[in-house]
Amino acid sequence: MFLVISACSVGRPADDADGDEIYRQLCVSCHGADLSGGIGPPLGHGSNAARQPDEFLEFAIMMGLGSMPSFSSSLDEHQLDRLVDYLREEQKG
């Protein structure tokens, strides 16, 4: 049996997409609609991701980490900032 992990996103988010829109387009298929995890680890309140510095999240998103793909060709710096800001807001619980 083979396990195939792939990024299910389609294209780049709109230039003016907010963090929630970016998350729903690029992240929800692996990390869940409520950030509780699935294929990928949980990202919400109380998760290991919530305890990491912003720089760690930025690196993981842009460069990929483990089985997570890189999103450097999908996000610009401003979109990345909005995505991390969204994650931090959601992690407050």
N, C-alpha and C. Protein backbone atom coordinates (compact mmCIF):
# COMPACT_ATOMS: atom_id res chain seq x y z
N MET A 1 0.85 -1.16 0.00
CA MET A 1 0.00 0.00 0.00
C MET A 1 0.90 1.23 0.00
N PHE A 2 0.51 2.25 -0.76
CA PHE A 2 1.26 3.49 -0.85
C PHE A 2 0.44 4.64 -0.30
N LEU A 3 1.08 5.53 0.41
CA LEU A 3 0.44 6.74 0.91
C LEU A 3 0.93 7.89 0.05
N VAL A 4 0.00 8.62 -0.52
CA VAL A 4 0.35 9.76 -1.35
C VAL A 4 -0.13 11.01 -0.66
N ILE A 5 0.80 11.92 -0.42
CA ILE A 5 0.46 13.20 0.18
C ILE A 5 0.72 14.26 -0.87
N SER A 6 -0.27 15.08 -1.11
CA SER A 6 -0.10 16.13 -2.11
C SER A 6 -0.77 17.41 -1.64
N ALA A 7 -0.30 18.50 -2.16
CA ALA A 7 -0.94 19.78 -1.89
C ALA A 7 -2.17 19.86 -2.77
N CYS A 8 -3.30 20.09 -2.17
CA CYS A 8 -4.55 20.09 -2.93
C CYS A 8 -4.96 21.49 -3.35
N SER A 9 -4.07 22.43 -3.16
CA SER A 9 -4.42 23.80 -3.53
C SER A 9 -4.38 23.96 -5.04
N VAL A 10 -5.10 24.94 -5.50
CA VAL A 10 -5.12 25.24 -6.92
C VAL A 10 -4.66 26.68 -7.09
N GLY A 11 -3.51 26.85 -7.71
CA GLY A 11 -3.01 28.19 -8.01
C GLY A 11 -2.67 29.01 -6.79
N ARG A 12 -2.51 30.28 -7.07
CA ARG A 12 -2.16 31.25 -6.04
C ARG A 12 -3.42 31.90 -5.48
N PRO A 13 -3.41 32.22 -4.20
CA PRO A 13 -4.52 33.00 -3.65
C PRO A 13 -4.54 34.39 -4.30
N ALA A 14 -5.69 35.03 -4.28
CA ALA A 14 -5.79 36.40 -4.79
C ALA A 14 -4.81 37.29 -4.02
N ASP A 15 -4.25 38.27 -4.69
CA ASP A 15 -3.28 39.16 -4.06
C ASP A 15 -3.82 39.79 -2.79
N ASP A 16 -5.11 40.09 -2.76
CA ASP A 16 -5.70 40.75 -1.60
C ASP A 16 -6.44 39.78 -0.66
N ALA A 17 -6.22 38.49 -0.83
CA ALA A 17 -6.89 37.50 0.03
C ALA A 17 -6.48 37.71 1.48
N ASP A 18 -7.46 37.58 2.38
CA ASP A 18 -7.11 37.69 3.80
C ASP A 18 -6.59 36.33 4.28
N GLY A 19 -6.12 36.31 5.53
CA GLY A 19 -5.52 35.09 6.07
C GLY A 19 -6.45 33.90 6.06
N ASP A 20 -7.72 34.12 6.40
CA ASP A 20 -8.70 33.04 6.39
C ASP A 20 -8.87 32.47 4.99
N GLU A 21 -8.96 33.33 4.00
CA GLU A 21 -9.11 32.86 2.61
C GLU A 21 -7.88 32.07 2.17
N ILE A 22 -6.71 32.55 2.52
CA ILE A 22 -5.47 31.85 2.16
C ILE A 22 -5.44 30.48 2.84
N TYR A 23 -5.78 30.45 4.13
CA TYR A 23 -5.80 29.18 4.85
C TYR A 23 -6.77 28.21 4.18
N ARG A 24 -7.96 28.67 3.86
CA ARG A 24 -8.97 27.78 3.27
C ARG A 24 -8.54 27.27 1.89
N GLN A 25 -7.79 28.07 1.14
CA GLN A 25 -7.35 27.64 -0.18
C GLN A 25 -6.15 26.69 -0.11
N LEU A 26 -5.20 26.98 0.77
CA LEU A 26 -3.94 26.24 0.75
C LEU A 26 -3.76 25.22 1.87
N CYS A 27 -4.43 25.39 2.99
CA CYS A 27 -4.08 24.64 4.18
C CYS A 27 -5.16 23.69 4.71
N VAL A 28 -6.42 24.04 4.46
CA VAL A 28 -7.52 23.33 5.08
C VAL A 28 -7.55 21.83 4.74
N SER A 29 -7.13 21.45 3.56
CA SER A 29 -7.22 20.04 3.17
C SER A 29 -6.30 19.15 4.01
N CYS A 30 -5.25 19.71 4.57
CA CYS A 30 -4.33 18.92 5.40
C CYS A 30 -4.46 19.23 6.89
N HIS A 31 -4.76 20.48 7.23
CA HIS A 31 -4.77 20.89 8.64
C HIS A 31 -6.16 21.06 9.22
N GLY A 32 -7.20 20.84 8.41
CA GLY A 32 -8.57 20.87 8.89
C GLY A 32 -9.19 22.26 8.95
N ALA A 33 -10.50 22.31 8.77
CA ALA A 33 -11.22 23.57 8.76
C ALA A 33 -11.12 24.29 10.10
N ASP A 34 -10.98 23.53 11.18
CA ASP A 34 -10.89 24.12 12.51
C ASP A 34 -9.46 24.08 13.06
N LEU A 35 -8.49 23.85 12.20
CA LEU A 35 -7.06 23.78 12.54
C LEU A 35 -6.74 22.62 13.46
N SER A 36 -7.61 21.60 13.51
CA SER A 36 -7.41 20.47 14.41
C SER A 36 -6.51 19.39 13.84
N GLY A 37 -6.07 19.54 12.61
CA GLY A 37 -5.18 18.57 12.00
C GLY A 37 -5.93 17.54 11.18
N GLY A 38 -5.19 16.65 10.63
CA GLY A 38 -5.71 15.60 9.75
C GLY A 38 -4.50 14.92 9.16
N ILE A 39 -4.26 15.14 7.88
CA ILE A 39 -3.02 14.66 7.25
C ILE A 39 -1.84 15.40 7.87
N GLY A 40 -2.02 16.71 8.06
CA GLY A 40 -1.00 17.53 8.70
C GLY A 40 -1.33 17.70 10.18
N PRO A 41 -0.36 18.19 10.94
CA PRO A 41 -0.58 18.35 12.38
C PRO A 41 -1.56 19.47 12.71
N PRO A 42 -2.09 19.47 13.93
CA PRO A 42 -2.95 20.56 14.37
C PRO A 42 -2.18 21.88 14.37
N LEU A 43 -2.89 22.97 14.12
CA LEU A 43 -2.29 24.30 14.12
C LEU A 43 -2.96 25.23 15.11
N GLY A 44 -4.05 24.79 15.72
CA GLY A 44 -4.87 25.67 16.55
C GLY A 44 -4.38 25.83 17.98
N HIS A 45 -5.26 26.35 18.81
CA HIS A 45 -4.99 26.62 20.22
C HIS A 45 -4.44 25.38 20.91
N GLY A 46 -3.35 25.52 21.64
CA GLY A 46 -2.76 24.41 22.38
C GLY A 46 -1.86 23.50 21.56
N SER A 47 -1.78 23.73 20.27
CA SER A 47 -0.94 22.87 19.41
C SER A 47 0.54 23.23 19.55
N ASN A 48 1.38 22.34 19.09
CA ASN A 48 2.81 22.62 19.03
C ASN A 48 3.08 23.86 18.18
N ALA A 49 2.34 24.02 17.10
CA ALA A 49 2.52 25.18 16.22
C ALA A 49 2.26 26.49 16.96
N ALA A 50 1.32 26.48 17.89
CA ALA A 50 0.99 27.68 18.64
C ALA A 50 2.14 28.11 19.56
N ARG A 51 3.02 27.17 19.90
CA ARG A 51 4.14 27.47 20.78
C ARG A 51 5.40 27.87 20.01
N GLN A 52 5.37 27.78 18.70
CA GLN A 52 6.54 28.10 17.88
C GLN A 52 6.57 29.58 17.54
N PRO A 53 7.77 30.13 17.33
CA PRO A 53 7.85 31.54 16.91
C PRO A 53 7.34 31.71 15.48
N ASP A 54 6.97 32.94 15.15
CA ASP A 54 6.48 33.24 13.80
C ASP A 54 7.48 32.78 12.74
N GLU A 55 8.75 32.95 13.01
CA GLU A 55 9.78 32.59 12.03
C GLU A 55 9.73 31.10 11.68
N PHE A 56 9.40 30.26 12.65
CA PHE A 56 9.27 28.83 12.39
C PHE A 56 8.10 28.57 11.45
N LEU A 57 6.95 29.20 11.74
CA LEU A 57 5.79 29.01 10.87
C LEU A 57 6.08 29.52 9.47
N GLU A 58 6.71 30.68 9.37
CA GLU A 58 7.04 31.26 8.06
C GLU A 58 7.96 30.32 7.28
N PHE A 59 8.97 29.77 7.95
CA PHE A 59 9.88 28.83 7.28
C PHE A 59 9.13 27.59 6.82
N ALA A 60 8.32 27.01 7.71
CA ALA A 60 7.59 25.78 7.36
C ALA A 60 6.67 26.01 6.17
N ILE A 61 6.00 27.15 6.15
CA ILE A 61 5.06 27.45 5.06
C ILE A 61 5.81 27.69 3.75
N MET A 62 6.84 28.47 3.80
CA MET A 62 7.53 28.85 2.56
C MET A 62 8.48 27.77 2.04
N MET A 63 9.14 27.04 2.93
CA MET A 63 10.14 26.07 2.51
C MET A 63 9.64 24.63 2.53
N GLY A 64 8.57 24.40 3.26
CA GLY A 64 8.10 23.04 3.46
C GLY A 64 8.83 22.43 4.64
N LEU A 65 8.24 21.43 5.23
CA LEU A 65 8.84 20.80 6.40
C LEU A 65 8.31 19.38 6.48
N GLY A 66 9.20 18.41 6.52
CA GLY A 66 8.77 17.02 6.51
C GLY A 66 8.00 16.73 5.23
N SER A 67 6.78 16.23 5.35
CA SER A 67 5.97 15.93 4.17
C SER A 67 5.17 17.13 3.67
N MET A 68 5.28 18.25 4.37
CA MET A 68 4.56 19.45 3.94
C MET A 68 5.29 20.09 2.76
N PRO A 69 4.55 20.43 1.71
CA PRO A 69 5.19 21.05 0.54
C PRO A 69 5.52 22.52 0.80
N SER A 70 6.38 23.05 -0.02
CA SER A 70 6.71 24.47 0.02
C SER A 70 5.61 25.28 -0.67
N PHE A 71 5.29 26.43 -0.11
CA PHE A 71 4.32 27.33 -0.73
C PHE A 71 4.98 28.63 -1.19
N SER A 72 6.29 28.58 -1.39
CA SER A 72 7.01 29.78 -1.80
C SER A 72 6.60 30.27 -3.19
N SER A 73 6.11 29.38 -4.01
CA SER A 73 5.66 29.81 -5.34
C SER A 73 4.18 30.22 -5.33
N SER A 74 3.52 30.05 -4.20
CA SER A 74 2.10 30.39 -4.10
C SER A 74 1.83 31.66 -3.31
N LEU A 75 2.76 32.06 -2.46
CA LEU A 75 2.53 33.18 -1.55
C LEU A 75 3.61 34.24 -1.68
N ASP A 76 3.21 35.49 -1.60
CA ASP A 76 4.21 36.55 -1.48
C ASP A 76 4.35 36.90 0.00
N GLU A 77 5.23 37.81 0.32
CA GLU A 77 5.52 38.16 1.71
C GLU A 77 4.29 38.68 2.46
N HIS A 78 3.48 39.49 1.79
CA HIS A 78 2.29 40.06 2.42
C HIS A 78 1.24 38.98 2.70
N GLN A 79 1.07 38.06 1.77
CA GLN A 79 0.12 36.96 1.97
C GLN A 79 0.60 36.07 3.12
N LEU A 80 1.90 35.81 3.17
CA LEU A 80 2.46 35.01 4.25
C LEU A 80 2.18 35.68 5.60
N ASP A 81 2.40 36.98 5.67
CA ASP A 81 2.13 37.72 6.92
C ASP A 81 0.67 37.60 7.31
N ARG A 82 -0.24 37.72 6.36
CA ARG A 82 -1.68 37.62 6.66
C ARG A 82 -2.05 36.21 7.12
N LEU A 83 -1.42 35.20 6.52
CA LEU A 83 -1.68 33.83 6.92
C LEU A 83 -1.20 33.57 8.34
N VAL A 84 0.01 33.99 8.66
CA VAL A 84 0.54 33.80 10.01
C VAL A 84 -0.30 34.59 11.02
N ASP A 85 -0.69 35.81 10.69
CA ASP A 85 -1.56 36.59 11.57
C ASP A 85 -2.87 35.86 11.83
N TYR A 86 -3.45 35.27 10.78
CA TYR A 86 -4.68 34.50 10.93
C TYR A 86 -4.47 33.32 11.89
N LEU A 87 -3.38 32.57 11.69
CA LEU A 87 -3.10 31.44 12.56
C LEU A 87 -2.97 31.89 14.01
N ARG A 88 -2.27 32.97 14.24
CA ARG A 88 -2.08 33.48 15.61
C ARG A 88 -3.42 33.90 16.24
N GLU A 89 -4.28 34.51 15.48
CA GLU A 89 -5.60 34.88 16.00
C GLU A 89 -6.39 33.64 16.38
N GLU A 90 -6.37 32.64 15.52
CA GLU A 90 -7.11 31.40 15.78
C GLU A 90 -6.51 30.64 16.95
N GLN A 91 -5.22 30.74 17.15
CA GLN A 91 -4.55 30.00 18.22
C GLN A 91 -4.85 30.57 19.60
N LYS A 92 -5.38 31.78 19.65
CA LYS A 92 -5.72 32.39 20.95
C LYS A 92 -6.85 31.65 21.63
N GLY A 93 -7.61 30.89 20.84
CA GLY A 93 -8.68 30.08 21.39
C GLY A 93 -9.83 30.85 21.75
